[in-house]
Amino acid sequence: MLFLAIAVAFVASIILTPLVRKLAFRIGAVDRPNYRKVHVSVMPRIGGLAIIGGFLVGYLLLTPADEHATGILIGALIIVITGFLDDMLEITAKAKIVGQLAAAIVVVTWGGLQIEFINLPFGGIIEFGFLSIPVTILWIVGITNAINLLDGLDGLAAGVSTIALISLSVMAMLMGDMFVVATTAILAASSLGFLFYNFYPAKIFMGDTGALFLGFMISVLALLGFKNVTFISLVIPVIILGVPISDTFFTIVRRVRMKQPISKPDKSHLHHSLLNAGFSHRQSVLIIYAFAALFGGGAILFSQATQWGALLLVFIMLIAIELFVEIIGLAGSNYRPILNLVRMIGK
């Protein structure tokens, strides 16, 4: 039945996307070019509705059971409304954050999803206590925005989200959580169906309607599969989401170093940096896909490694990320601590 639900979600997304494209032009939900964007023509931007529609068709066909499901769906509805309003009216950043916080609070309070504690790798435990709610909300809002920030090139957010969802589904299968397996697989199928129209050259954008929805669902499903476990296991969703998390982290680093507001938009994200480095639009997207796949595979390898092996893997990945960031100038053209250290040693 799960395979049928996946297939139905995929086909429904493919069928719905052209219909949503026509609707977007009819109601004026379009994205116009400006100095921060790489597209040069007016594009429909509520394609996320097709992803959501495909997901709902597959989800309702299977109706996987879980105690958190109702809270998650209500939170998703709030986040979809927030994204749609932004696509239509271009609401303020504060208004979007309010919508994201409301969705996260519903999941935490109504859905009962909280990170209450983690076991440390070499003994001991960290109990979050009264901080469990704000920590959980921070994770949900942070990952939601991380996926949204990736939505800057054709097919980028949809492709990276699909890879992350597939990785989460595999990990959930290893852990025996069939609700997460089913939900992530159905959502991945819907996102993949949309990608047929969204990959370069895109015919439609997912907009905040889709990016916020995907980010929200990924953040919640990652928590659902790995909450209240060991520190090592808690790192797994962080690795799986390595691309959006790294982009967001170094965006903050860059803006702090340049004394700019953290929320200020710019044209220096990961995909912009790759374009500036001389890669084509398609090449930049495929490079980021490759990194997302490596992170997903690394997470699976990480889960099967010994504690020391897992820590070594994390160290290697962090060094590789830092070197890549310095080479392409993601945190700023003059941010090169490791490269500068290597040059000093080599003299």
C-alpha atoms as a PDB file:
ATOM      1  CA  MET A   1       0.000   0.000   0.000  1.00  0.00           C
ATOM      2  CA  LEU A   2       2.892   2.364   0.743  1.00  0.00           C
ATOM      3  CA  PHE A   3       4.288   1.964  -2.778  1.00  0.00           C
ATOM      4  CA  LEU A   4       0.855   2.774  -4.204  1.00  0.00           C
ATOM      5  CA  ALA A   5       0.624   5.914  -2.046  1.00  0.00           C
ATOM      6  CA  ILE A   6       4.115   6.986  -3.189  1.00  0.00           C
ATOM      7  CA  ALA A   7       3.203   6.446  -6.849  1.00  0.00           C
ATOM      8  CA  VAL A   8      -0.093   8.314  -6.471  1.00  0.00           C
ATOM      9  CA  ALA A   9       1.630  11.283  -4.772  1.00  0.00           C
ATOM     10  CA  PHE A  10       4.221  11.422  -7.571  1.00  0.00           C
ATOM     11  CA  VAL A  11       1.636  11.309 -10.383  1.00  0.00           C
ATOM     12  CA  ALA A  12      -0.724  13.731  -8.627  1.00  0.00           C
ATOM     13  CA  SER A  13       2.083  16.271  -8.250  1.00  0.00           C
ATOM     14  CA  ILE A  14       2.943  15.989 -11.949  1.00  0.00           C
ATOM     15  CA  ILE A  15      -0.720  16.484 -12.911  1.00  0.00           C
ATOM     16  CA  LEU A  16      -1.350  19.328 -10.466  1.00  0.00           C
ATOM     17  CA  THR A  17       1.714  21.451 -11.267  1.00  0.00           C
ATOM     18  CA  PRO A  18       0.557  22.714 -14.721  1.00  0.00           C
ATOM     19  CA  LEU A  19      -2.860  23.497 -13.225  1.00  0.00           C
ATOM     20  CA  VAL A  20      -1.281  25.454 -10.384  1.00  0.00           C
ATOM     21  CA  ARG A  21       0.878  27.279 -12.938  1.00  0.00           C
ATOM     22  CA  LYS A  22      -2.226  28.502 -14.756  1.00  0.00           C
ATOM     23  CA  LEU A  23      -3.833  29.494 -11.466  1.00  0.00           C
ATOM     24  CA  ALA A  24      -0.758  31.501 -10.452  1.00  0.00           C
ATOM     25  CA  PHE A  25      -0.890  33.632 -13.594  1.00  0.00           C
ATOM     26  CA  ARG A  26      -4.637  34.093 -13.217  1.00  0.00           C
ATOM     27  CA  ILE A  27      -4.471  35.383  -9.615  1.00  0.00           C
ATOM     28  CA  GLY A  28      -1.210  37.300 -10.042  1.00  0.00           C
ATOM     29  CA  ALA A  29       0.946  35.056  -7.848  1.00  0.00           C
ATOM     30  CA  VAL A  30       4.120  35.738  -9.826  1.00  0.00           C
ATOM     31  CA  ASP A  31       7.775  36.414  -9.049  1.00  0.00           C
ATOM     32  CA  ARG A  32       9.257  39.398 -10.849  1.00  0.00           C
ATOM     33  CA  PRO A  33      13.001  39.726 -11.508  1.00  0.00           C
ATOM     34  CA  ASN A  34      15.121  42.012  -9.300  1.00  0.00           C
ATOM     35  CA  TYR A  35      18.787  42.526  -8.418  1.00  0.00           C
ATOM     36  CA  ARG A  36      18.871  39.567  -5.982  1.00  0.00           C
ATOM     37  CA  LYS A  37      17.277  37.006  -8.308  1.00  0.00           C
ATOM     38  CA  VAL A  38      18.801  35.055 -11.158  1.00  0.00           C
ATOM     39  CA  HIS A  39      15.684  34.667 -13.328  1.00  0.00           C
ATOM     40  CA  VAL A  40      14.982  37.319 -15.961  1.00  0.00           C
ATOM     41  CA  SER A  41      11.272  36.813 -16.678  1.00  0.00           C
ATOM     42  CA  VAL A  42       8.055  36.810 -14.674  1.00  0.00           C
ATOM     43  CA  MET A  43       7.499  33.369 -13.104  1.00  0.00           C
ATOM     44  CA  PRO A  44       4.498  31.793 -11.339  1.00  0.00           C
ATOM     45  CA  ARG A  45       5.439  31.138  -7.722  1.00  0.00           C
ATOM     46  CA  ILE A  46       2.816  29.142  -5.844  1.00  0.00           C
ATOM     47  CA  GLY A  47       4.030  25.785  -7.171  1.00  0.00           C
ATOM     48  CA  GLY A  48       4.187  24.559  -3.594  1.00  0.00           C
ATOM     49  CA  LEU A  49       0.431  23.994  -3.819  1.00  0.00           C
ATOM     50  CA  ALA A  50       1.116  21.137  -6.250  1.00  0.00           C
ATOM     51  CA  ILE A  51       3.603  19.574  -3.820  1.00  0.00           C
ATOM     52  CA  ILE A  52       1.090  19.908  -0.995  1.00  0.00           C
ATOM     53  CA  GLY A  53      -1.731  18.530  -3.133  1.00  0.00           C
ATOM     54  CA  GLY A  54       0.291  15.520  -4.248  1.00  0.00           C
ATOM     55  CA  PHE A  55       1.376  14.848  -0.681  1.00  0.00           C
ATOM     56  CA  LEU A  56      -2.174  15.032   0.679  1.00  0.00           C
ATOM     57  CA  VAL A  57      -3.519  12.645  -1.960  1.00  0.00           C
ATOM     58  CA  GLY A  58      -0.849  10.058  -1.148  1.00  0.00           C
ATOM     59  CA  TYR A  59      -1.064  10.645   2.598  1.00  0.00           C
ATOM     60  CA  LEU A  60      -4.857  10.320   2.752  1.00  0.00           C
ATOM     61  CA  LEU A  61      -4.703   7.169   0.631  1.00  0.00           C
ATOM     62  CA  LEU A  62      -2.411   5.536   3.187  1.00  0.00           C
ATOM     63  CA  THR A  63      -3.392   7.522   6.327  1.00  0.00           C
ATOM     64  CA  PRO A  64      -0.375   6.475   8.440  1.00  0.00           C
ATOM     65  CA  ALA A  65      -1.208   6.574  12.159  1.00  0.00           C
ATOM     66  CA  ASP A  66       0.788   8.472  14.785  1.00  0.00           C
ATOM     67  CA  GLU A  67      -0.081  10.355  17.943  1.00  0.00           C
ATOM     68  CA  HIS A  68       1.610  13.500  16.610  1.00  0.00           C
ATOM     69  CA  ALA A  69      -0.114  13.457  13.191  1.00  0.00           C
ATOM     70  CA  THR A  70      -2.975  15.861  13.967  1.00  0.00           C
ATOM     71  CA  GLY A  71      -0.696  18.510  15.461  1.00  0.00           C
ATOM     72  CA  ILE A  72       1.703  18.203  12.521  1.00  0.00           C
ATOM     73  CA  LEU A  73      -1.066  18.634   9.931  1.00  0.00           C
ATOM     74  CA  ILE A  74      -2.542  21.657  11.717  1.00  0.00           C
ATOM     75  CA  GLY A  75       0.907  23.213  12.002  1.00  0.00           C
ATOM     76  CA  ALA A  76       1.463  22.504   8.293  1.00  0.00           C
ATOM     77  CA  LEU A  77      -1.806  24.269   7.457  1.00  0.00           C
ATOM     78  CA  ILE A  78      -0.637  27.368   9.343  1.00  0.00           C
ATOM     79  CA  ILE A  79       2.719  27.330   7.560  1.00  0.00           C
ATOM     80  CA  VAL A  80       1.052  26.905   4.142  1.00  0.00           C
ATOM     81  CA  ILE A  81      -1.237  29.873   4.793  1.00  0.00           C
ATOM     82  CA  THR A  82       1.790  31.927   5.858  1.00  0.00           C
ATOM     83  CA  GLY A  83       3.715  31.021   2.709  1.00  0.00           C
ATOM     84  CA  PHE A  84       0.739  31.622   0.420  1.00  0.00           C
ATOM     85  CA  LEU A  85       0.118  35.065   1.928  1.00  0.00           C
ATOM     86  CA  ASP A  86       3.765  35.935   1.333  1.00  0.00           C
ATOM     87  CA  ASP A  87       3.612  34.739  -2.273  1.00  0.00           C
ATOM     88  CA  MET A  88       0.488  36.814  -2.866  1.00  0.00           C
ATOM     89  CA  LEU A  89       1.086  39.914  -0.718  1.00  0.00           C
ATOM     90  CA  GLU A  90       4.827  39.813   0.130  1.00  0.00           C
ATOM     91  CA  ILE A  91       4.234  40.077   3.872  1.00  0.00           C
ATOM     92  CA  THR A  92       7.001  41.293   6.183  1.00  0.00           C
ATOM     93  CA  ALA A  93       9.725  39.041   7.607  1.00  0.00           C
ATOM     94  CA  LYS A  94       8.243  39.564  11.082  1.00  0.00           C
ATOM     95  CA  ALA A  95       4.828  38.366   9.902  1.00  0.00           C
ATOM     96  CA  LYS A  96       6.416  35.242   8.396  1.00  0.00           C
ATOM     97  CA  ILE A  97       8.239  34.500  11.634  1.00  0.00           C
ATOM     98  CA  VAL A  98       4.977  34.861  13.559  1.00  0.00           C
ATOM     99  CA  GLY A  99       3.369  32.282  11.262  1.00  0.00           C
ATOM    100  CA  GLN A 100       6.325  29.915  11.668  1.00  0.00           C
ATOM    101  CA  LEU A 101       6.288  30.296  15.445  1.00  0.00           C
ATOM    102  CA  ALA A 102       2.552  29.621  15.530  1.00  0.00           C
ATOM    103  CA  ALA A 103       3.000  26.440  13.472  1.00  0.00           C
ATOM    104  CA  ALA A 104       5.877  25.281  15.676  1.00  0.00           C
ATOM    105  CA  ILE A 105       3.945  25.991  18.873  1.00  0.00           C
ATOM    106  CA  VAL A 106       1.002  23.918  17.597  1.00  0.00           C
ATOM    107  CA  VAL A 107       3.313  20.971  16.937  1.00  0.00           C
ATOM    108  CA  VAL A 108       4.918  21.290  20.365  1.00  0.00           C
ATOM    109  CA  THR A 109       1.745  21.843  22.410  1.00  0.00           C
ATOM    110  CA  TRP A 110      -1.011  20.093  20.458  1.00  0.00           C
ATOM    111  CA  GLY A 111       1.196  17.528  18.759  1.00  0.00           C
ATOM    112  CA  GLY A 112       3.210  16.886  21.914  1.00  0.00           C
ATOM    113  CA  LEU A 113       6.540  16.828  20.062  1.00  0.00           C
ATOM    114  CA  GLN A 114       9.464  17.994  22.221  1.00  0.00           C
ATOM    115  CA  ILE A 115      13.187  17.323  22.590  1.00  0.00           C
ATOM    116  CA  GLU A 116      13.269  16.518  26.302  1.00  0.00           C
ATOM    117  CA  PHE A 117      16.759  15.071  26.747  1.00  0.00           C
ATOM    118  CA  ILE A 118      19.773  13.576  25.000  1.00  0.00           C
ATOM    119  CA  ASN A 119      22.272  10.994  26.192  1.00  0.00           C
ATOM    120  CA  LEU A 120      25.895  12.030  25.739  1.00  0.00           C
ATOM    121  CA  PRO A 121      28.261   9.675  23.852  1.00  0.00           C
ATOM    122  CA  PHE A 122      30.650   8.941  26.734  1.00  0.00           C
ATOM    123  CA  GLY A 123      28.188   8.897  29.609  1.00  0.00           C
ATOM    124  CA  GLY A 124      25.877  11.432  31.182  1.00  0.00           C
ATOM    125  CA  ILE A 125      22.641  13.017  30.082  1.00  0.00           C
ATOM    126  CA  ILE A 126      21.432  16.502  29.208  1.00  0.00           C
ATOM    127  CA  GLU A 127      17.858  17.185  30.288  1.00  0.00           C
ATOM    128  CA  PHE A 128      16.399  20.306  28.706  1.00  0.00           C
ATOM    129  CA  GLY A 129      13.614  20.674  31.263  1.00  0.00           C
ATOM    130  CA  PHE A 130      11.764  23.959  30.744  1.00  0.00           C
ATOM    131  CA  LEU A 131      14.038  24.629  27.742  1.00  0.00           C
ATOM    132  CA  SER A 132      12.642  21.630  25.833  1.00  0.00           C
ATOM    133  CA  ILE A 133       9.851  23.711  24.295  1.00  0.00           C
ATOM    134  CA  PRO A 134      11.999  26.674  23.120  1.00  0.00           C
ATOM    135  CA  VAL A 135      14.725  24.298  21.865  1.00  0.00           C
ATOM    136  CA  THR A 136      12.168  22.358  19.815  1.00  0.00           C
ATOM    137  CA  ILE A 137      10.592  25.546  18.451  1.00  0.00           C
ATOM    138  CA  LEU A 138      14.043  26.909  17.560  1.00  0.00           C
ATOM    139  CA  TRP A 139      14.846  23.728  15.614  1.00  0.00           C
ATOM    140  CA  ILE A 140      11.564  23.836  13.662  1.00  0.00           C
ATOM    141  CA  VAL A 141      11.795  27.534  12.788  1.00  0.00           C
ATOM    142  CA  GLY A 142      15.516  27.283  12.011  1.00  0.00           C
ATOM    143  CA  ILE A 143      15.225  24.367   9.580  1.00  0.00           C
ATOM    144  CA  THR A 144      12.091  25.845   8.002  1.00  0.00           C
ATOM    145  CA  ASN A 145      14.014  29.013   7.180  1.00  0.00           C
ATOM    146  CA  ALA A 146      17.112  27.085   6.099  1.00  0.00           C
ATOM    147  CA  ILE A 147      15.138  25.319   3.362  1.00  0.00           C
ATOM    148  CA  ASN A 148      13.480  28.610   2.411  1.00  0.00           C
ATOM    149  CA  LEU A 149      16.884  30.291   2.008  1.00  0.00           C
ATOM    150  CA  LEU A 150      17.919  27.540  -0.439  1.00  0.00           C
ATOM    151  CA  ASP A 151      15.095  28.410  -2.809  1.00  0.00           C
ATOM    152  CA  GLY A 152      17.237  30.609  -5.034  1.00  0.00           C
ATOM    153  CA  LEU A 153      17.964  28.516  -8.148  1.00  0.00           C
ATOM    154  CA  ASP A 154      15.713  26.411 -10.367  1.00  0.00           C
ATOM    155  CA  GLY A 155      15.106  23.037  -8.752  1.00  0.00           C
ATOM    156  CA  LEU A 156      17.442  23.672  -5.818  1.00  0.00           C
ATOM    157  CA  ALA A 157      15.095  23.578  -2.820  1.00  0.00           C
ATOM    158  CA  ALA A 158      12.921  20.835  -4.311  1.00  0.00           C
ATOM    159  CA  GLY A 159      15.915  18.640  -5.157  1.00  0.00           C
ATOM    160  CA  VAL A 160      17.752  19.093  -1.860  1.00  0.00           C
ATOM    161  CA  SER A 161      14.502  18.539   0.055  1.00  0.00           C
ATOM    162  CA  THR A 162      13.827  15.341  -1.901  1.00  0.00           C
ATOM    163  CA  ILE A 163      17.317  14.026  -1.126  1.00  0.00           C
ATOM    164  CA  ALA A 164      16.940  14.934   2.564  1.00  0.00           C
ATOM    165  CA  LEU A 165      13.513  13.261   2.734  1.00  0.00           C
ATOM    166  CA  ILE A 166      14.813  10.075   1.117  1.00  0.00           C
ATOM    167  CA  SER A 167      17.706  10.029   3.606  1.00  0.00           C
ATOM    168  CA  LEU A 168      15.292  10.542   6.501  1.00  0.00           C
ATOM    169  CA  SER A 169      13.093   7.746   5.172  1.00  0.00           C
ATOM    170  CA  VAL A 170      16.034   5.310   5.008  1.00  0.00           C
ATOM    171  CA  MET A 171      17.144   6.259   8.529  1.00  0.00           C
ATOM    172  CA  ALA A 172      13.599   5.924   9.876  1.00  0.00           C
ATOM    173  CA  MET A 173      13.396   2.481   8.264  1.00  0.00           C
ATOM    174  CA  LEU A 174      16.587   1.444  10.056  1.00  0.00           C
ATOM    175  CA  MET A 175      15.054   2.689  13.311  1.00  0.00           C
ATOM    176  CA  GLY A 176      11.697   1.019  12.649  1.00  0.00           C
ATOM    177  CA  ASP A 177       9.552   4.190  12.648  1.00  0.00           C
ATOM    178  CA  MET A 178       7.048   3.405   9.897  1.00  0.00           C
ATOM    179  CA  PHE A 179       5.062   6.650  10.252  1.00  0.00           C
ATOM    180  CA  VAL A 180       8.185   8.684   9.428  1.00  0.00           C
ATOM    181  CA  VAL A 181       9.113   6.213   6.665  1.00  0.00           C
ATOM    182  CA  ALA A 182       5.705   6.569   5.019  1.00  0.00           C
ATOM    183  CA  THR A 183       5.322  10.331   5.450  1.00  0.00           C
ATOM    184  CA  THR A 184       8.828  11.219   4.242  1.00  0.00           C
ATOM    185  CA  ALA A 185       8.568   8.850   1.259  1.00  0.00           C
ATOM    186  CA  ILE A 186       5.207  10.275   0.166  1.00  0.00           C
ATOM    187  CA  LEU A 187       6.446  13.849   0.540  1.00  0.00           C
ATOM    188  CA  ALA A 188       9.650  13.022  -1.368  1.00  0.00           C
ATOM    189  CA  ALA A 189       7.588  11.564  -4.226  1.00  0.00           C
ATOM    190  CA  SER A 190       5.432  14.687  -4.396  1.00  0.00           C
ATOM    191  CA  SER A 191       8.488  16.961  -4.363  1.00  0.00           C
ATOM    192  CA  LEU A 192      10.121  14.873  -7.093  1.00  0.00           C
ATOM    193  CA  GLY A 193       7.018  15.136  -9.277  1.00  0.00           C
ATOM    194  CA  PHE A 194       7.111  18.923  -8.961  1.00  0.00           C
ATOM    195  CA  LEU A 195      10.813  18.896  -9.856  1.00  0.00           C
ATOM    196  CA  PHE A 196       9.921  17.855 -13.422  1.00  0.00           C
ATOM    197  CA  TYR A 197       8.636  21.414 -13.948  1.00  0.00           C
ATOM    198  CA  ASN A 198      10.960  23.185 -11.528  1.00  0.00           C
ATOM    199  CA  PHE A 199      14.398  21.961 -12.654  1.00  0.00           C
ATOM    200  CA  TYR A 200      16.410  24.331 -14.852  1.00  0.00           C
ATOM    201  CA  PRO A 201      14.975  25.963 -16.890  1.00  0.00           C
ATOM    202  CA  ALA A 202      12.034  26.144 -14.476  1.00  0.00           C
ATOM    203  CA  LYS A 203       8.467  26.676 -15.643  1.00  0.00           C
ATOM    204  CA  ILE A 204       7.239  27.420 -12.118  1.00  0.00           C
ATOM    205  CA  PHE A 205       8.647  28.240  -8.663  1.00  0.00           C
ATOM    206  CA  MET A 206       7.466  26.626  -5.449  1.00  0.00           C
ATOM    207  CA  GLY A 207       7.482  30.001  -3.691  1.00  0.00           C
ATOM    208  CA  ASP A 208       7.288  30.370   0.065  1.00  0.00           C
ATOM    209  CA  THR A 209       4.140  28.229  -0.087  1.00  0.00           C
ATOM    210  CA  GLY A 210       6.286  25.237  -0.974  1.00  0.00           C
ATOM    211  CA  ALA A 211       9.622  26.136   0.618  1.00  0.00           C
ATOM    212  CA  LEU A 212       8.155  26.842   4.060  1.00  0.00           C
ATOM    213  CA  PHE A 213       5.979  23.717   3.856  1.00  0.00           C
ATOM    214  CA  LEU A 214       8.914  21.480   2.918  1.00  0.00           C
ATOM    215  CA  GLY A 215      11.169  23.052   5.531  1.00  0.00           C
ATOM    216  CA  PHE A 216       8.531  22.699   8.227  1.00  0.00           C
ATOM    217  CA  MET A 217       7.737  19.080   7.391  1.00  0.00           C
ATOM    218  CA  ILE A 218      11.414  18.104   7.181  1.00  0.00           C
ATOM    219  CA  SER A 219      12.171  19.749  10.527  1.00  0.00           C
ATOM    220  CA  VAL A 220       9.245  18.030  12.251  1.00  0.00           C
ATOM    221  CA  LEU A 221       9.792  14.610  10.671  1.00  0.00           C
ATOM    222  CA  ALA A 222      13.498  14.721  11.528  1.00  0.00           C
ATOM    223  CA  LEU A 223      12.614  15.447  15.144  1.00  0.00           C
ATOM    224  CA  LEU A 224       9.936  12.785  15.184  1.00  0.00           C
ATOM    225  CA  GLY A 225      12.381  10.135  14.073  1.00  0.00           C
ATOM    226  CA  PHE A 226      15.278  11.066  16.340  1.00  0.00           C
ATOM    227  CA  LYS A 227      13.949  12.818  19.474  1.00  0.00           C
ATOM    228  CA  ASN A 228      14.957  11.691  22.965  1.00  0.00           C
ATOM    229  CA  VAL A 229      17.818   9.529  21.765  1.00  0.00           C
ATOM    230  CA  THR A 230      21.588   9.544  22.095  1.00  0.00           C
ATOM    231  CA  PHE A 231      23.711  12.510  21.131  1.00  0.00           C
ATOM    232  CA  ILE A 232      25.103  10.472  18.237  1.00  0.00           C
ATOM    233  CA  SER A 233      21.613   9.772  16.879  1.00  0.00           C
ATOM    234  CA  LEU A 234      20.545  13.388  17.331  1.00  0.00           C
ATOM    235  CA  VAL A 235      23.407  14.453  15.067  1.00  0.00           C
ATOM    236  CA  ILE A 236      22.000  12.338  12.215  1.00  0.00           C
ATOM    237  CA  PRO A 237      19.274  14.799  11.101  1.00  0.00           C
ATOM    238  CA  VAL A 238      21.824  17.618  11.379  1.00  0.00           C
ATOM    239  CA  ILE A 239      24.094  15.767   8.934  1.00  0.00           C
ATOM    240  CA  ILE A 240      21.195  14.933   6.601  1.00  0.00           C
ATOM    241  CA  LEU A 241      20.284  18.635   6.536  1.00  0.00           C
ATOM    242  CA  GLY A 242      23.929  19.654   6.213  1.00  0.00           C
ATOM    243  CA  VAL A 243      23.460  21.738   3.056  1.00  0.00           C
ATOM    244  CA  PRO A 244      20.704  24.100   4.278  1.00  0.00           C
ATOM    245  CA  ILE A 245      22.171  24.264   7.789  1.00  0.00           C
ATOM    246  CA  SER A 246      25.665  25.108   6.479  1.00  0.00           C
ATOM    247  CA  ASP A 247      24.291  27.747   4.121  1.00  0.00           C
ATOM    248  CA  THR A 248      22.284  29.362   6.928  1.00  0.00           C
ATOM    249  CA  PHE A 249      25.170  29.205   9.423  1.00  0.00           C
ATOM    250  CA  PHE A 250      27.712  30.817   7.116  1.00  0.00           C
ATOM    251  CA  THR A 251      25.131  33.381   5.987  1.00  0.00           C
ATOM    252  CA  ILE A 252      24.893  34.466   9.629  1.00  0.00           C
ATOM    253  CA  VAL A 253      28.707  34.452   9.939  1.00  0.00           C
ATOM    254  CA  ARG A 254      29.035  36.571   6.800  1.00  0.00           C
ATOM    255  CA  ARG A 255      26.456  39.142   7.901  1.00  0.00           C
ATOM    256  CA  VAL A 256      27.901  39.405  11.426  1.00  0.00           C
ATOM    257  CA  ARG A 257      31.404  39.913  10.020  1.00  0.00           C
ATOM    258  CA  MET A 258      30.104  42.604   7.659  1.00  0.00           C
ATOM    259  CA  LYS A 259      28.045  44.176  10.471  1.00  0.00           C
ATOM    260  CA  GLN A 260      24.796  43.693   8.583  1.00  0.00           C
ATOM    261  CA  PRO A 261      21.407  42.706  10.029  1.00  0.00           C
ATOM    262  CA  ILE A 262      21.075  38.912  10.073  1.00  0.00           C
ATOM    263  CA  SER A 263      17.688  39.142   8.333  1.00  0.00           C
ATOM    264  CA  LYS A 264      18.990  41.381   5.538  1.00  0.00           C
ATOM    265  CA  PRO A 265      18.670  39.676   2.111  1.00  0.00           C
ATOM    266  CA  ASP A 266      21.776  39.450  -0.033  1.00  0.00           C
ATOM    267  CA  LYS A 267      23.195  37.691  -3.059  1.00  0.00           C
ATOM    268  CA  SER A 268      25.934  35.677  -1.367  1.00  0.00           C
ATOM    269  CA  HIS A 269      24.248  32.378  -0.488  1.00  0.00           C
ATOM    270  CA  LEU A 270      25.788  29.032  -1.439  1.00  0.00           C
ATOM    271  CA  HIS A 271      24.193  28.994  -4.880  1.00  0.00           C
ATOM    272  CA  HIS A 272      25.215  32.613  -5.543  1.00  0.00           C
ATOM    273  CA  SER A 273      28.793  31.811  -4.509  1.00  0.00           C
ATOM    274  CA  LEU A 274      28.938  28.898  -6.952  1.00  0.00           C
ATOM    275  CA  LEU A 275      27.606  31.097  -9.755  1.00  0.00           C
ATOM    276  CA  ASN A 276      30.198  33.747  -8.885  1.00  0.00           C
ATOM    277  CA  ALA A 277      32.889  31.041  -8.965  1.00  0.00           C
ATOM    278  CA  GLY A 278      32.083  30.450 -12.640  1.00  0.00           C
ATOM    279  CA  PHE A 279      29.731  27.478 -12.515  1.00  0.00           C
ATOM    280  CA  SER A 280      26.601  27.516 -14.663  1.00  0.00           C
ATOM    281  CA  HIS A 281      23.088  27.520 -13.231  1.00  0.00           C
ATOM    282  CA  ARG A 282      22.656  23.794 -13.876  1.00  0.00           C
ATOM    283  CA  GLN A 283      26.155  22.922 -12.641  1.00  0.00           C
ATOM    284  CA  SER A 284      25.629  24.853  -9.396  1.00  0.00           C
ATOM    285  CA  VAL A 285      22.405  22.986  -8.678  1.00  0.00           C
ATOM    286  CA  LEU A 286      23.958  19.594  -9.447  1.00  0.00           C
ATOM    287  CA  ILE A 287      26.977  20.358  -7.235  1.00  0.00           C
ATOM    288  CA  ILE A 288      24.661  21.154  -4.329  1.00  0.00           C
ATOM    289  CA  TYR A 289      22.636  17.984  -5.068  1.00  0.00           C
ATOM    290  CA  ALA A 290      25.874  16.010  -4.847  1.00  0.00           C
ATOM    291  CA  PHE A 291      26.709  17.562  -1.486  1.00  0.00           C
ATOM    292  CA  ALA A 292      23.201  16.847  -0.210  1.00  0.00           C
ATOM    293  CA  ALA A 293      23.536  13.219  -1.310  1.00  0.00           C
ATOM    294  CA  LEU A 294      26.958  12.957   0.368  1.00  0.00           C
ATOM    295  CA  PHE A 295      25.493  14.314   3.587  1.00  0.00           C
ATOM    296  CA  GLY A 296      22.632  11.821   3.366  1.00  0.00           C
ATOM    297  CA  GLY A 297      25.020   8.936   2.763  1.00  0.00           C
ATOM    298  CA  GLY A 298      27.300  10.226   5.503  1.00  0.00           C
ATOM    299  CA  ALA A 299      24.392  10.201   7.952  1.00  0.00           C
ATOM    300  CA  ILE A 300      23.637   6.567   7.152  1.00  0.00           C
ATOM    301  CA  LEU A 301      27.331   5.641   7.549  1.00  0.00           C
ATOM    302  CA  PHE A 302      27.453   7.694  10.740  1.00  0.00           C
ATOM    303  CA  SER A 303      24.544   5.742  12.230  1.00  0.00           C
ATOM    304  CA  GLN A 304      26.366   2.437  11.704  1.00  0.00           C
ATOM    305  CA  ALA A 305      29.779   3.567  12.982  1.00  0.00           C
ATOM    306  CA  THR A 306      31.290   3.185  16.432  1.00  0.00           C
ATOM    307  CA  GLN A 307      31.284   6.259  18.672  1.00  0.00           C
ATOM    308  CA  TRP A 308      34.914   7.110  17.868  1.00  0.00           C
ATOM    309  CA  GLY A 309      34.328   6.391  14.191  1.00  0.00           C
ATOM    310  CA  ALA A 310      31.266   8.627  14.185  1.00  0.00           C
ATOM    311  CA  LEU A 311      33.157  11.469  15.854  1.00  0.00           C
ATOM    312  CA  LEU A 312      36.016  11.097  13.347  1.00  0.00           C
ATOM    313  CA  LEU A 313      33.517  11.216  10.474  1.00  0.00           C
ATOM    314  CA  VAL A 314      31.952  14.415  11.857  1.00  0.00           C
ATOM    315  CA  PHE A 315      35.418  15.999  12.214  1.00  0.00           C
ATOM    316  CA  ILE A 316      36.327  15.152   8.607  1.00  0.00           C
ATOM    317  CA  MET A 317      32.998  16.493   7.328  1.00  0.00           C
ATOM    318  CA  LEU A 318      33.380  19.747   9.272  1.00  0.00           C
ATOM    319  CA  ILE A 319      36.887  20.306   7.882  1.00  0.00           C
ATOM    320  CA  ALA A 320      35.666  19.535   4.336  1.00  0.00           C
ATOM    321  CA  ILE A 321      32.764  21.980   4.714  1.00  0.00           C
ATOM    322  CA  GLU A 322      35.044  24.698   6.079  1.00  0.00           C
ATOM    323  CA  LEU A 323      37.518  24.297   3.202  1.00  0.00           C
ATOM    324  CA  PHE A 324      34.719  24.379   0.617  1.00  0.00           C
ATOM    325  CA  VAL A 325      33.238  27.494   2.234  1.00  0.00           C
ATOM    326  CA  GLU A 326      36.600  29.260   2.208  1.00  0.00           C
ATOM    327  CA  ILE A 327      37.349  28.316  -1.413  1.00  0.00           C
ATOM    328  CA  ILE A 328      34.042  29.638  -2.795  1.00  0.00           C
ATOM    329  CA  GLY A 329      33.897  32.627  -0.421  1.00  0.00           C
ATOM    330  CA  LEU A 330      30.567  31.739   1.191  1.00  0.00           C
ATOM    331  CA  ALA A 331      31.414  33.555   4.449  1.00  0.00           C
ATOM    332  CA  GLY A 332      33.129  36.450   2.660  1.00  0.00           C
ATOM    333  CA  SER A 333      36.040  36.758   0.244  1.00  0.00           C
ATOM    334  CA  ASN A 334      38.571  37.431   3.034  1.00  0.00           C
ATOM    335  CA  TYR A 335      37.360  34.630   5.334  1.00  0.00           C
ATOM    336  CA  ARG A 336      40.061  31.947   4.944  1.00  0.00           C
ATOM    337  CA  PRO A 337      41.395  30.852   8.355  1.00  0.00           C
ATOM    338  CA  ILE A 338      42.378  27.284   7.383  1.00  0.00           C
ATOM    339  CA  LEU A 339      43.754  28.230   3.953  1.00  0.00           C
ATOM    340  CA  ASN A 340      45.766  31.052   5.521  1.00  0.00           C
ATOM    341  CA  LEU A 341      47.075  28.658   8.185  1.00  0.00           C
ATOM    342  CA  VAL A 342      48.132  26.157   5.499  1.00  0.00           C
ATOM    343  CA  ARG A 343      49.953  28.939   3.622  1.00  0.00           C
ATOM    344  CA  MET A 344      51.746  30.019   6.812  1.00  0.00           C
ATOM    345  CA  ILE A 345      52.857  26.446   7.540  1.00  0.00           C
ATOM    346  CA  GLY A 346      54.018  26.011   3.941  1.00  0.00           C
ATOM    347  CA  LYS A 347      56.298  29.055   4.051  1.00  0.00           C
END
